[in-house]
Amino acid sequence: MNTRFEEKDGQYIMYFEGRLDTAAAAKTEQEMKVLHECEGHNIVLDCSKMEYISSSGLRLFLGLLKIAKSKGSKVTISGMNDSLKQVFAMTGFTHLFDFS
């Protein structure tokens, strides 16, 4: 799993590439900590190059959502493939996040 962070037009954008599985979760969690300082910035999680997400990855996204909401920020997920959409639908996460 590779990530890249960018601040653009008042938004925090995190790009994900590869598989966000249990093995990659700890490293990815550290890389996502920059998003925890989101007050005043909305967050976009660009998953257009993400191939897979495990329950560990879903936990990271949910944790970020809770932090962002507590700071008045919004989390939007973009670019998900059909496989990722199916995982989010099965877990009920489609009701928690905004998608673009």
PDB file of N, CA and C in Angstrom:
ATOM      1  N   MET A   1       0.843  -1.173   0.000  1.00  0.00           N
ATOM      2  CA  MET A   1       0.000   0.000   0.000  1.00  0.00           C
ATOM      3  C   MET A   1       0.886   1.232   0.000  1.00  0.00           C
ATOM      4  N   ASN A   2       0.613   2.114  -0.924  1.00  0.00           N
ATOM      5  CA  ASN A   2       1.286   3.402  -0.980  1.00  0.00           C
ATOM      6  C   ASN A   2       0.245   4.494  -0.770  1.00  0.00           C
ATOM      7  N   THR A   3       0.632   5.524  -0.041  1.00  0.00           N
ATOM      8  CA  THR A   3      -0.251   6.668   0.143  1.00  0.00           C
ATOM      9  C   THR A   3       0.514   7.937  -0.203  1.00  0.00           C
ATOM     10  N   ARG A   4      -0.267   8.949  -0.525  1.00  0.00           N
ATOM     11  CA  ARG A   4       0.315  10.260  -0.788  1.00  0.00           C
ATOM     12  C   ARG A   4      -0.679  11.300  -0.293  1.00  0.00           C
ATOM     13  N   PHE A   5      -0.179  12.296   0.432  1.00  0.00           N
ATOM     14  CA  PHE A   5      -1.008  13.354   0.995  1.00  0.00           C
ATOM     15  C   PHE A   5      -0.798  14.642   0.214  1.00  0.00           C
ATOM     16  N   GLU A   6      -1.899  15.386   0.076  1.00  0.00           N
ATOM     17  CA  GLU A   6      -1.828  16.674  -0.619  1.00  0.00           C
ATOM     18  C   GLU A   6      -2.873  17.610  -0.010  1.00  0.00           C
ATOM     19  N   GLU A   7      -2.506  18.849   0.171  1.00  0.00           N
ATOM     20  CA  GLU A   7      -3.484  19.863   0.556  1.00  0.00           C
ATOM     21  C   GLU A   7      -3.761  20.705  -0.686  1.00  0.00           C
ATOM     22  N   LYS A   8      -5.037  20.764  -1.072  1.00  0.00           N
ATOM     23  CA  LYS A   8      -5.387  21.442  -2.317  1.00  0.00           C
ATOM     24  C   LYS A   8      -6.755  22.099  -2.168  1.00  0.00           C
ATOM     25  N   ASP A   9      -6.829  23.351  -2.515  1.00  0.00           N
ATOM     26  CA  ASP A   9      -8.100  24.094  -2.487  1.00  0.00           C
ATOM     27  C   ASP A   9      -8.821  23.956  -1.152  1.00  0.00           C
ATOM     28  N   GLY A  10      -8.080  24.007  -0.054  1.00  0.00           N
ATOM     29  CA  GLY A  10      -8.678  23.938   1.268  1.00  0.00           C
ATOM     30  C   GLY A  10      -9.103  22.548   1.702  1.00  0.00           C
ATOM     31  N   GLN A  11      -8.734  21.535   0.942  1.00  0.00           N
ATOM     32  CA  GLN A  11      -9.065  20.156   1.282  1.00  0.00           C
ATOM     33  C   GLN A  11      -7.795  19.367   1.576  1.00  0.00           C
ATOM     34  N   TYR A  12      -7.926  18.374   2.411  1.00  0.00           N
ATOM     35  CA  TYR A  12      -6.867  17.392   2.621  1.00  0.00           C
ATOM     36  C   TYR A  12      -7.215  16.186   1.757  1.00  0.00           C
ATOM     37  N   ILE A  13      -6.293  15.784   0.902  1.00  0.00           N
ATOM     38  CA  ILE A  13      -6.524  14.652   0.006  1.00  0.00           C
ATOM     39  C   ILE A  13      -5.478  13.577   0.292  1.00  0.00           C
ATOM     40  N   MET A  14      -5.942  12.359   0.509  1.00  0.00           N
ATOM     41  CA  MET A  14      -5.046  11.215   0.687  1.00  0.00           C
ATOM     42  C   MET A  14      -5.330  10.248  -0.453  1.00  0.00           C
ATOM     43  N   TYR A  15      -4.267   9.932  -1.196  1.00  0.00           N
ATOM     44  CA  TYR A  15      -4.358   9.000  -2.314  1.00  0.00           C
ATOM     45  C   TYR A  15      -3.876   7.630  -1.849  1.00  0.00           C
ATOM     46  N   PHE A  16      -4.633   6.605  -2.164  1.00  0.00           N
ATOM     47  CA  PHE A  16      -4.299   5.238  -1.790  1.00  0.00           C
ATOM     48  C   PHE A  16      -4.042   4.427  -3.051  1.00  0.00           C
ATOM     49  N   GLU A  17      -2.965   3.629  -3.026  1.00  0.00           N
ATOM     50  CA  GLU A  17      -2.638   2.781  -4.175  1.00  0.00           C
ATOM     51  C   GLU A  17      -2.239   1.403  -3.666  1.00  0.00           C
ATOM     52  N   GLY A  18      -2.937   0.375  -4.146  1.00  0.00           N
ATOM     53  CA  GLY A  18      -2.612  -1.001  -3.767  1.00  0.00           C
ATOM     54  C   GLY A  18      -3.661  -1.607  -2.865  1.00  0.00           C
ATOM     55  N   ARG A  19      -3.186  -2.484  -1.973  1.00  0.00           N
ATOM     56  CA  ARG A  19      -4.070  -3.251  -1.092  1.00  0.00           C
ATOM     57  C   ARG A  19      -3.948  -2.760   0.346  1.00  0.00           C
ATOM     58  N   LEU A  20      -5.070  -2.304   0.888  1.00  0.00           N
ATOM     59  CA  LEU A  20      -5.097  -1.896   2.290  1.00  0.00           C
ATOM     60  C   LEU A  20      -5.582  -3.092   3.107  1.00  0.00           C
ATOM     61  N   ASP A  21      -4.640  -3.985   3.381  1.00  0.00           N
ATOM     62  CA  ASP A  21      -4.947  -5.190   4.133  1.00  0.00           C
ATOM     63  C   ASP A  21      -4.340  -5.089   5.530  1.00  0.00           C
ATOM     64  N   THR A  22      -4.469  -6.147   6.305  1.00  0.00           N
ATOM     65  CA  THR A  22      -3.977  -6.144   7.682  1.00  0.00           C
ATOM     66  C   THR A  22      -2.486  -5.860   7.740  1.00  0.00           C
ATOM     67  N   ALA A  23      -1.729  -6.415   6.817  1.00  0.00           N
ATOM     68  CA  ALA A  23      -0.271  -6.219   6.806  1.00  0.00           C
ATOM     69  C   ALA A  23       0.103  -4.757   6.568  1.00  0.00           C
ATOM     70  N   ALA A  24      -0.690  -4.043   5.805  1.00  0.00           N
ATOM     71  CA  ALA A  24      -0.389  -2.646   5.472  1.00  0.00           C
ATOM     72  C   ALA A  24      -1.044  -1.652   6.430  1.00  0.00           C
ATOM     73  N   ALA A  25      -1.920  -2.122   7.303  1.00  0.00           N
ATOM     74  CA  ALA A  25      -2.733  -1.212   8.118  1.00  0.00           C
ATOM     75  C   ALA A  25      -1.908  -0.346   9.070  1.00  0.00           C
ATOM     76  N   ALA A  26      -0.923  -0.914   9.749  1.00  0.00           N
ATOM     77  CA  ALA A  26      -0.156  -0.135  10.735  1.00  0.00           C
ATOM     78  C   ALA A  26       0.592   1.021  10.074  1.00  0.00           C
ATOM     79  N   LYS A  27       1.248   0.745   8.957  1.00  0.00           N
ATOM     80  CA  LYS A  27       1.979   1.795   8.235  1.00  0.00           C
ATOM     81  C   LYS A  27       1.011   2.853   7.698  1.00  0.00           C
ATOM     82  N   THR A  28      -0.096   2.399   7.142  1.00  0.00           N
ATOM     83  CA  THR A  28      -1.084   3.315   6.586  1.00  0.00           C
ATOM     84  C   THR A  28      -1.703   4.176   7.683  1.00  0.00           C
ATOM     85  N   GLU A  29      -1.923   3.588   8.844  1.00  0.00           N
ATOM     86  CA  GLU A  29      -2.472   4.348   9.963  1.00  0.00           C
ATOM     87  C   GLU A  29      -1.553   5.508  10.337  1.00  0.00           C
ATOM     88  N   GLN A  30      -0.255   5.249  10.370  1.00  0.00           N
ATOM     89  CA  GLN A  30       0.710   6.319  10.672  1.00  0.00           C
ATOM     90  C   GLN A  30       0.668   7.411   9.602  1.00  0.00           C
ATOM     91  N   GLU A  31       0.578   7.002   8.342  1.00  0.00           N
ATOM     92  CA  GLU A  31       0.556   7.967   7.245  1.00  0.00           C
ATOM     93  C   GLU A  31      -0.724   8.797   7.239  1.00  0.00           C
ATOM     94  N   MET A  32      -1.814   8.233   7.762  1.00  0.00           N
ATOM     95  CA  MET A  32      -3.097   8.938   7.791  1.00  0.00           C
ATOM     96  C   MET A  32      -3.202   9.930   8.952  1.00  0.00           C
ATOM     97  N   LYS A  33      -2.267   9.893   9.897  1.00  0.00           N
ATOM     98  CA  LYS A  33      -2.353  10.775  11.071  1.00  0.00           C
ATOM     99  C   LYS A  33      -2.374  12.249  10.688  1.00  0.00           C
ATOM    100  N   VAL A  34      -1.774  12.603   9.569  1.00  0.00           N
ATOM    101  CA  VAL A  34      -1.802  13.991   9.106  1.00  0.00           C
ATOM    102  C   VAL A  34      -3.247  14.456   8.888  1.00  0.00           C
ATOM    103  N   LEU A  35      -4.136  13.536   8.574  1.00  0.00           N
ATOM    104  CA  LEU A  35      -5.540  13.881   8.332  1.00  0.00           C
ATOM    105  C   LEU A  35      -6.280  14.204   9.625  1.00  0.00           C
ATOM    106  N   HIS A  36      -5.727  13.793  10.756  1.00  0.00           N
ATOM    107  CA  HIS A  36      -6.384  14.037  12.040  1.00  0.00           C
ATOM    108  C   HIS A  36      -6.375  15.515  12.412  1.00  0.00           C
ATOM    109  N   GLU A  37      -5.547  16.302  11.746  1.00  0.00           N
ATOM    110  CA  GLU A  37      -5.492  17.756  11.970  1.00  0.00           C
ATOM    111  C   GLU A  37      -6.388  18.463  10.962  1.00  0.00           C
ATOM    112  N   CYS A  38      -7.592  17.949  10.786  1.00  0.00           N
ATOM    113  CA  CYS A  38      -8.465  18.358   9.688  1.00  0.00           C
ATOM    114  C   CYS A  38      -9.338  19.565   9.989  1.00  0.00           C
ATOM    115  N   GLU A  39      -9.287  20.085  11.192  1.00  0.00           N
ATOM    116  CA  GLU A  39     -10.179  21.179  11.535  1.00  0.00           C
ATOM    117  C   GLU A  39     -10.069  22.308  10.501  1.00  0.00           C
ATOM    118  N   GLY A  40     -11.204  22.642   9.915  1.00  0.00           N
ATOM    119  CA  GLY A  40     -11.218  23.672   8.886  1.00  0.00           C
ATOM    120  C   GLY A  40     -10.953  23.141   7.490  1.00  0.00           C
ATOM    121  N   HIS A  41     -10.686  21.860   7.366  1.00  0.00           N
ATOM    122  CA  HIS A  41     -10.430  21.247   6.064  1.00  0.00           C
ATOM    123  C   HIS A  41     -11.318  20.008   5.916  1.00  0.00           C
ATOM    124  N   ASN A  42     -11.936  19.867   4.772  1.00  0.00           N
ATOM    125  CA  ASN A  42     -12.620  18.616   4.480  1.00  0.00           C
ATOM    126  C   ASN A  42     -11.612  17.640   3.894  1.00  0.00           C
ATOM    127  N   ILE A  43     -11.931  16.370   3.985  1.00  0.00           N
ATOM    128  CA  ILE A  43     -11.002  15.306   3.603  1.00  0.00           C
ATOM    129  C   ILE A  43     -11.564  14.523   2.429  1.00  0.00           C
ATOM    130  N   VAL A  44     -10.710  14.247   1.462  1.00  0.00           N
ATOM    131  CA  VAL A  44     -11.052  13.371   0.342  1.00  0.00           C
ATOM    132  C   VAL A  44     -10.104  12.173   0.397  1.00  0.00           C
ATOM    133  N   LEU A  45     -10.679  10.975   0.418  1.00  0.00           N
ATOM    134  CA  LEU A  45      -9.906   9.747   0.351  1.00  0.00           C
ATOM    135  C   LEU A  45     -10.032   9.231  -1.076  1.00  0.00           C
ATOM    136  N   ASP A  46      -8.978   9.399  -1.856  1.00  0.00           N
ATOM    137  CA  ASP A  46      -8.993   8.998  -3.269  1.00  0.00           C
ATOM    138  C   ASP A  46      -8.598   7.531  -3.363  1.00  0.00           C
ATOM    139  N   CYS A  47      -9.573   6.704  -3.689  1.00  0.00           N
ATOM    140  CA  CYS A  47      -9.365   5.253  -3.744  1.00  0.00           C
ATOM    141  C   CYS A  47      -9.329   4.735  -5.177  1.00  0.00           C
ATOM    142  N   SER A  48      -9.072   5.621  -6.131  1.00  0.00           N
ATOM    143  CA  SER A  48      -9.116   5.221  -7.542  1.00  0.00           C
ATOM    144  C   SER A  48      -8.044   4.197  -7.894  1.00  0.00           C
ATOM    145  N   LYS A  49      -6.970   4.104  -7.094  1.00  0.00           N
ATOM    146  CA  LYS A  49      -5.929   3.107  -7.363  1.00  0.00           C
ATOM    147  C   LYS A  49      -5.850   2.061  -6.251  1.00  0.00           C
ATOM    148  N   MET A  50      -6.861   2.032  -5.387  1.00  0.00           N
ATOM    149  CA  MET A  50      -6.905   1.016  -4.334  1.00  0.00           C
ATOM    150  C   MET A  50      -7.530  -0.256  -4.910  1.00  0.00           C
ATOM    151  N   GLU A  51      -6.882  -1.367  -4.664  1.00  0.00           N
ATOM    152  CA  GLU A  51      -7.343  -2.643  -5.202  1.00  0.00           C
ATOM    153  C   GLU A  51      -8.212  -3.419  -4.226  1.00  0.00           C
ATOM    154  N   TYR A  52      -7.979  -3.230  -2.923  1.00  0.00           N
ATOM    155  CA  TYR A  52      -8.621  -4.067  -1.915  1.00  0.00           C
ATOM    156  C   TYR A  52      -8.599  -3.335  -0.580  1.00  0.00           C
ATOM    157  N   ILE A  53      -9.630  -3.567   0.231  1.00  0.00           N
ATOM    158  CA  ILE A  53      -9.643  -3.045   1.599  1.00  0.00           C
ATOM    159  C   ILE A  53     -10.152  -4.144   2.531  1.00  0.00           C
ATOM    160  N   SER A  54      -9.421  -4.380   3.602  1.00  0.00           N
ATOM    161  CA  SER A  54      -9.805  -5.387   4.590  1.00  0.00           C
ATOM    162  C   SER A  54     -10.546  -4.710   5.744  1.00  0.00           C
ATOM    163  N   SER A  55     -10.953  -5.504   6.716  1.00  0.00           N
ATOM    164  CA  SER A  55     -11.616  -4.937   7.890  1.00  0.00           C
ATOM    165  C   SER A  55     -10.681  -3.988   8.631  1.00  0.00           C
ATOM    166  N   SER A  56      -9.393  -4.237   8.590  1.00  0.00           N
ATOM    167  CA  SER A  56      -8.421  -3.327   9.218  1.00  0.00           C
ATOM    168  C   SER A  56      -8.434  -1.973   8.525  1.00  0.00           C
ATOM    169  N   GLY A  57      -8.535  -1.974   7.222  1.00  0.00           N
ATOM    170  CA  GLY A  57      -8.611  -0.727   6.468  1.00  0.00           C
ATOM    171  C   GLY A  57      -9.915   0.011   6.728  1.00  0.00           C
ATOM    172  N   LEU A  58     -11.002  -0.736   6.811  1.00  0.00           N
ATOM    173  CA  LEU A  58     -12.291  -0.123   7.125  1.00  0.00           C
ATOM    174  C   LEU A  58     -12.240   0.538   8.500  1.00  0.00           C
ATOM    175  N   ARG A  59     -11.564  -0.104   9.446  1.00  0.00           N
ATOM    176  CA  ARG A  59     -11.421   0.451  10.790  1.00  0.00           C
ATOM    177  C   ARG A  59     -10.687   1.795  10.731  1.00  0.00           C
ATOM    178  N   LEU A  60      -9.641   1.890   9.902  1.00  0.00           N
ATOM    179  CA  LEU A  60      -8.907   3.156   9.754  1.00  0.00           C
ATOM    180  C   LEU A  60      -9.808   4.254   9.201  1.00  0.00           C
ATOM    181  N   PHE A  61     -10.599   3.928   8.194  1.00  0.00           N
ATOM    182  CA  PHE A  61     -11.497   4.910   7.591  1.00  0.00           C
ATOM    183  C   PHE A  61     -12.546   5.361   8.608  1.00  0.00           C
ATOM    184  N   LEU A  62     -13.104   4.417   9.364  1.00  0.00           N
ATOM    185  CA  LEU A  62     -14.119   4.753  10.353  1.00  0.00           C
ATOM    186  C   LEU A  62     -13.540   5.625  11.464  1.00  0.00           C
ATOM    187  N   GLY A  63     -12.343   5.299  11.919  1.00  0.00           N
ATOM    188  CA  GLY A  63     -11.689   6.110  12.946  1.00  0.00           C
ATOM    189  C   GLY A  63     -11.462   7.534  12.477  1.00  0.00           C
ATOM    190  N   LEU A  64     -11.023   7.671  11.235  1.00  0.00           N
ATOM    191  CA  LEU A  64     -10.824   9.003  10.661  1.00  0.00           C
ATOM    192  C   LEU A  64     -12.145   9.763  10.579  1.00  0.00           C
ATOM    193  N   LEU A  65     -13.201   9.080  10.176  1.00  0.00           N
ATOM    194  CA  LEU A  65     -14.509   9.723  10.071  1.00  0.00           C
ATOM    195  C   LEU A  65     -14.944  10.282  11.423  1.00  0.00           C
ATOM    196  N   LYS A  66     -14.752   9.518  12.484  1.00  0.00           N
ATOM    197  CA  LYS A  66     -15.143   9.976  13.824  1.00  0.00           C
ATOM    198  C   LYS A  66     -14.352  11.223  14.231  1.00  0.00           C
ATOM    199  N   ILE A  67     -13.057  11.221  13.970  1.00  0.00           N
ATOM    200  CA  ILE A  67     -12.222  12.381  14.302  1.00  0.00           C
ATOM    201  C   ILE A  67     -12.652  13.604  13.488  1.00  0.00           C
ATOM    202  N   ALA A  68     -12.851  13.395  12.180  1.00  0.00           N
ATOM    203  CA  ALA A  68     -13.220  14.510  11.303  1.00  0.00           C
ATOM    204  C   ALA A  68     -14.559  15.112  11.711  1.00  0.00           C
ATOM    205  N   LYS A  69     -15.534  14.265  11.990  1.00  0.00           N
ATOM    206  CA  LYS A  69     -16.853  14.779  12.387  1.00  0.00           C
ATOM    207  C   LYS A  69     -16.762  15.577  13.683  1.00  0.00           C
ATOM    208  N   SER A  70     -15.948  15.108  14.609  1.00  0.00           N
ATOM    209  CA  SER A  70     -15.819  15.816  15.889  1.00  0.00           C
ATOM    210  C   SER A  70     -15.180  17.196  15.712  1.00  0.00           C
ATOM    211  N   LYS A  71     -14.486  17.391  14.594  1.00  0.00           N
ATOM    212  CA  LYS A  71     -13.835  18.677  14.312  1.00  0.00           C
ATOM    213  C   LYS A  71     -14.591  19.492  13.271  1.00  0.00           C
ATOM    214  N   GLY A  72     -15.799  19.012  12.917  1.00  0.00           N
ATOM    215  CA  GLY A  72     -16.627  19.744  11.962  1.00  0.00           C
ATOM    216  C   GLY A  72     -16.223  19.570  10.520  1.00  0.00           C
ATOM    217  N   SER A  73     -15.445  18.546  10.228  1.00  0.00           N
ATOM    218  CA  SER A  73     -15.001  18.287   8.858  1.00  0.00           C
ATOM    219  C   SER A  73     -15.815  17.151   8.242  1.00  0.00           C
ATOM    220  N   LYS A  74     -15.749  17.053   6.945  1.00  0.00           N
ATOM    221  CA  LYS A  74     -16.479  16.039   6.192  1.00  0.00           C
ATOM    222  C   LYS A  74     -15.463  15.142   5.489  1.00  0.00           C
ATOM    223  N   VAL A  75     -15.773  13.847   5.413  1.00  0.00           N
ATOM    224  CA  VAL A  75     -14.922  12.893   4.706  1.00  0.00           C
ATOM    225  C   VAL A  75     -15.674  12.392   3.478  1.00  0.00           C
ATOM    226  N   THR A  76     -15.051  12.529   2.321  1.00  0.00           N
ATOM    227  CA  THR A  76     -15.618  12.044   1.066  1.00  0.00           C
ATOM    228  C   THR A  76     -14.667  11.006   0.482  1.00  0.00           C
ATOM    229  N   ILE A  77     -15.238   9.921  -0.018  1.00  0.00           N
ATOM    230  CA  ILE A  77     -14.443   8.879  -0.665  1.00  0.00           C
ATOM    231  C   ILE A  77     -14.705   8.966  -2.165  1.00  0.00           C
ATOM    232  N   SER A  78     -13.628   8.982  -2.937  1.00  0.00           N
ATOM    233  CA  SER A  78     -13.789   9.081  -4.391  1.00  0.00           C
ATOM    234  C   SER A  78     -13.068   7.942  -5.097  1.00  0.00           C
ATOM    235  N   GLY A  79     -13.543   7.639  -6.295  1.00  0.00           N
ATOM    236  CA  GLY A  79     -12.856   6.730  -7.202  1.00  0.00           C
ATOM    237  C   GLY A  79     -12.906   5.257  -6.861  1.00  0.00           C
ATOM    238  N   MET A  80     -13.864   4.824  -6.079  1.00  0.00           N
ATOM    239  CA  MET A  80     -13.891   3.396  -5.708  1.00  0.00           C
ATOM    240  C   MET A  80     -14.310   2.524  -6.885  1.00  0.00           C
ATOM    241  N   ASN A  81     -13.636   1.375  -7.010  1.00  0.00           N
ATOM    242  CA  ASN A  81     -14.030   0.401  -8.022  1.00  0.00           C
ATOM    243  C   ASN A  81     -15.222  -0.410  -7.505  1.00  0.00           C
ATOM    244  N   ASP A  82     -15.795  -1.244  -8.353  1.00  0.00           N
ATOM    245  CA  ASP A  82     -16.988  -2.008  -7.980  1.00  0.00           C
ATOM    246  C   ASP A  82     -16.749  -2.954  -6.815  1.00  0.00           C
ATOM    247  N   SER A  83     -15.567  -3.535  -6.743  1.00  0.00           N
ATOM    248  CA  SER A  83     -15.237  -4.456  -5.658  1.00  0.00           C
ATOM    249  C   SER A  83     -15.230  -3.732  -4.312  1.00  0.00           C
ATOM    250  N   LEU A  84     -14.630  -2.560  -4.267  1.00  0.00           N
ATOM    251  CA  LEU A  84     -14.609  -1.770  -3.035  1.00  0.00           C
ATOM    252  C   LEU A  84     -16.012  -1.310  -2.669  1.00  0.00           C
ATOM    253  N   LYS A  85     -16.788  -0.895  -3.667  1.00  0.00           N
ATOM    254  CA  LYS A  85     -18.165  -0.471  -3.409  1.00  0.00           C
ATOM    255  C   LYS A  85     -18.964  -1.598  -2.767  1.00  0.00           C
ATOM    256  N   GLN A  86     -18.718  -2.814  -3.218  1.00  0.00           N
ATOM    257  CA  GLN A  86     -19.429  -3.969  -2.679  1.00  0.00           C
ATOM    258  C   GLN A  86     -19.078  -4.189  -1.204  1.00  0.00           C
ATOM    259  N   VAL A  87     -17.803  -4.055  -0.856  1.00  0.00           N
ATOM    260  CA  VAL A  87     -17.377  -4.201   0.541  1.00  0.00           C
ATOM    261  C   VAL A  87     -18.038  -3.132   1.405  1.00  0.00           C
ATOM    262  N   PHE A  88     -18.061  -1.896   0.937  1.00  0.00           N
ATOM    263  CA  PHE A  88     -18.682  -0.822   1.699  1.00  0.00           C
ATOM    264  C   PHE A  88     -20.188  -1.046   1.839  1.00  0.00           C
ATOM    265  N   ALA A  89     -20.817  -1.567   0.802  1.00  0.00           N
ATOM    266  CA  ALA A  89     -22.252  -1.842   0.872  1.00  0.00           C
ATOM    267  C   ALA A  89     -22.547  -2.978   1.862  1.00  0.00           C
ATOM    268  N   MET A  90     -21.760  -4.041   1.820  1.00  0.00           N
ATOM    269  CA  MET A  90     -21.979  -5.192   2.710  1.00  0.00           C
ATOM    270  C   MET A  90     -21.804  -4.816   4.178  1.00  0.00           C
ATOM    271  N   THR A  91     -20.919  -3.884   4.464  1.00  0.00           N
ATOM    272  CA  THR A  91     -20.634  -3.508   5.851  1.00  0.00           C
ATOM    273  C   THR A  91     -21.503  -2.346   6.339  1.00  0.00           C
ATOM    274  N   GLY A  92     -22.294  -1.764   5.456  1.00  0.00           N
ATOM    275  CA  GLY A  92     -23.136  -0.635   5.829  1.00  0.00           C
ATOM    276  C   GLY A  92     -22.407   0.696   5.822  1.00  0.00           C
ATOM    277  N   PHE A  93     -21.162   0.697   5.379  1.00  0.00           N
ATOM    278  CA  PHE A  93     -20.377   1.929   5.366  1.00  0.00           C
ATOM    279  C   PHE A  93     -20.884   2.932   4.328  1.00  0.00           C
ATOM    280  N   THR A  94     -21.673   2.477   3.383  1.00  0.00           N
ATOM    281  CA  THR A  94     -22.204   3.411   2.381  1.00  0.00           C
ATOM    282  C   THR A  94     -23.130   4.436   3.027  1.00  0.00           C
ATOM    283  N   HIS A  95     -23.659   4.126   4.208  1.00  0.00           N
ATOM    284  CA  HIS A  95     -24.548   5.049   4.910  1.00  0.00           C
ATOM    285  C   HIS A  95     -23.766   6.035   5.782  1.00  0.00           C
ATOM    286  N   LEU A  96     -22.490   5.783   5.972  1.00  0.00           N
ATOM    287  CA  LEU A  96     -21.687   6.611   6.864  1.00  0.00           C
ATOM    288  C   LEU A  96     -20.896   7.686   6.144  1.00  0.00           C
ATOM    289  N   PHE A  97     -20.441   7.371   4.936  1.00  0.00           N
ATOM    290  CA  PHE A  97     -19.529   8.239   4.194  1.00  0.00           C
ATOM    291  C   PHE A  97     -20.262   8.915   3.035  1.00  0.00           C
ATOM    292  N   ASP A  98     -19.687  10.024   2.572  1.00  0.00           N
ATOM    293  CA  ASP A  98     -20.115  10.657   1.328  1.00  0.00           C
ATOM    294  C   ASP A  98     -19.211  10.138   0.226  1.00  0.00           C
ATOM    295  N   PHE A  99     -19.760   9.964  -0.968  1.00  0.00           N
ATOM    296  CA  PHE A  99     -19.004   9.423  -2.101  1.00  0.00           C
ATOM    297  C   PHE A  99     -19.120  10.371  -3.286  1.00  0.00           C
ATOM    298  N   SER A 100     -18.027  10.419  -4.046  1.00  0.00           N
ATOM    299  CA  SER A 100     -18.059  11.236  -5.272  1.00  0.00           C
ATOM    300  C   SER A 100     -17.467  10.442  -6.418  1.00  0.00           C
TER     301      SER A 100
END
